[in-house]
């Protein structure tokens, strides 16, 4: 990835909006506890979070 970024003429970064504070978010927070690596679910299972609002212990 660093090599591609170095030779790219244009870079477009897309971010979500943190559901807690409204800042740009680049993490996805799992809201329900599950031991599955990927959890397919309906709305309310995941939400966008910024670096400050992301809690790695939530949803384990």
C-alpha atoms as a PDB file:
ATOM      1  CA  UNK A   1       0.000   0.000   0.000  1.00  0.00           C
ATOM      2  CA  UNK A   2       2.737   2.580   0.758  1.00  0.00           C
ATOM      3  CA  UNK A   3       4.199   2.060  -2.736  1.00  0.00           C
ATOM      4  CA  UNK A   4       0.802   2.707  -4.336  1.00  0.00           C
ATOM      5  CA  UNK A   5       0.264   5.839  -2.274  1.00  0.00           C
ATOM      6  CA  UNK A   6       3.720   7.111  -3.254  1.00  0.00           C
ATOM      7  CA  UNK A   7       3.008   6.914  -7.005  1.00  0.00           C
ATOM      8  CA  UNK A   8      -0.662   7.926  -6.963  1.00  0.00           C
ATOM      9  CA  UNK A   9      -1.551  11.284  -8.468  1.00  0.00           C
ATOM     10  CA  UNK A  10      -4.783  11.604  -6.508  1.00  0.00           C
ATOM     11  CA  UNK A  11      -5.789  10.090  -3.173  1.00  0.00           C
ATOM     12  CA  UNK A  12      -9.398  10.212  -1.997  1.00  0.00           C
ATOM     13  CA  UNK A  13      -9.983   9.239   1.605  1.00  0.00           C
ATOM     14  CA  UNK A  14     -13.535   8.500   2.631  1.00  0.00           C
ATOM     15  CA  UNK A  15     -14.508   8.496   6.277  1.00  0.00           C
ATOM     16  CA  UNK A  16     -17.728   7.993   8.172  1.00  0.00           C
ATOM     17  CA  UNK A  17     -19.015  10.292  10.918  1.00  0.00           C
ATOM     18  CA  UNK A  18     -18.486   9.145  14.520  1.00  0.00           C
ATOM     19  CA  UNK A  19     -21.833   8.238  16.068  1.00  0.00           C
ATOM     20  CA  UNK A  20     -20.658   9.471  19.498  1.00  0.00           C
ATOM     21  CA  UNK A  21     -19.004  12.847  18.889  1.00  0.00           C
ATOM     22  CA  UNK A  22     -19.494  13.646  15.183  1.00  0.00           C
ATOM     23  CA  UNK A  23     -15.782  13.659  14.269  1.00  0.00           C
ATOM     24  CA  UNK A  24     -14.437  11.863  11.168  1.00  0.00           C
ATOM     25  CA  UNK A  25     -14.445   8.128  11.942  1.00  0.00           C
ATOM     26  CA  UNK A  26     -12.122   5.449  10.606  1.00  0.00           C
ATOM     27  CA  UNK A  27     -13.036   2.601  12.993  1.00  0.00           C
ATOM     28  CA  UNK A  28     -16.066   0.320  13.186  1.00  0.00           C
ATOM     29  CA  UNK A  29     -17.284  -0.456  16.710  1.00  0.00           C
ATOM     30  CA  UNK A  30     -19.113  -3.735  17.378  1.00  0.00           C
ATOM     31  CA  UNK A  31     -21.903  -3.043  19.849  1.00  0.00           C
ATOM     32  CA  UNK A  32     -23.006  -6.594  20.725  1.00  0.00           C
ATOM     33  CA  UNK A  33     -20.956  -9.288  22.454  1.00  0.00           C
ATOM     34  CA  UNK A  34     -19.977 -12.212  20.224  1.00  0.00           C
ATOM     35  CA  UNK A  35     -17.014 -14.560  19.849  1.00  0.00           C
ATOM     36  CA  UNK A  36     -17.468 -14.660  16.048  1.00  0.00           C
ATOM     37  CA  UNK A  37     -14.818 -12.813  14.024  1.00  0.00           C
ATOM     38  CA  UNK A  38     -17.412 -11.476  11.577  1.00  0.00           C
ATOM     39  CA  UNK A  39     -20.936 -10.842  12.787  1.00  0.00           C
ATOM     40  CA  UNK A  40     -23.545 -10.193  10.123  1.00  0.00           C
ATOM     41  CA  UNK A  41     -26.454  -8.351  11.586  1.00  0.00           C
ATOM     42  CA  UNK A  42     -28.982  -5.629  11.280  1.00  0.00           C
ATOM     43  CA  UNK A  43     -28.732  -1.974  12.150  1.00  0.00           C
ATOM     44  CA  UNK A  44     -27.488  -1.463  15.693  1.00  0.00           C
ATOM     45  CA  UNK A  45     -24.817  -4.191  15.545  1.00  0.00           C
ATOM     46  CA  UNK A  46     -21.980  -1.899  14.406  1.00  0.00           C
ATOM     47  CA  UNK A  47     -21.418   1.842  14.323  1.00  0.00           C
ATOM     48  CA  UNK A  48     -18.732   4.228  13.104  1.00  0.00           C
ATOM     49  CA  UNK A  49     -16.341   5.574  15.736  1.00  0.00           C
ATOM     50  CA  UNK A  50     -13.400   7.984  15.711  1.00  0.00           C
ATOM     51  CA  UNK A  51     -10.076   7.023  17.284  1.00  0.00           C
ATOM     52  CA  UNK A  52     -10.944   8.695  20.605  1.00  0.00           C
ATOM     53  CA  UNK A  53     -14.411   7.132  20.958  1.00  0.00           C
ATOM     54  CA  UNK A  54     -13.406   3.617  19.800  1.00  0.00           C
ATOM     55  CA  UNK A  55     -13.343   1.098  22.682  1.00  0.00           C
ATOM     56  CA  UNK A  56     -11.568  -2.186  21.772  1.00  0.00           C
ATOM     57  CA  UNK A  57     -13.025  -3.939  24.844  1.00  0.00           C
ATOM     58  CA  UNK A  58     -16.651  -3.249  23.890  1.00  0.00           C
ATOM     59  CA  UNK A  59     -18.445  -6.110  22.143  1.00  0.00           C
ATOM     60  CA  UNK A  60     -16.097  -8.906  23.202  1.00  0.00           C
END
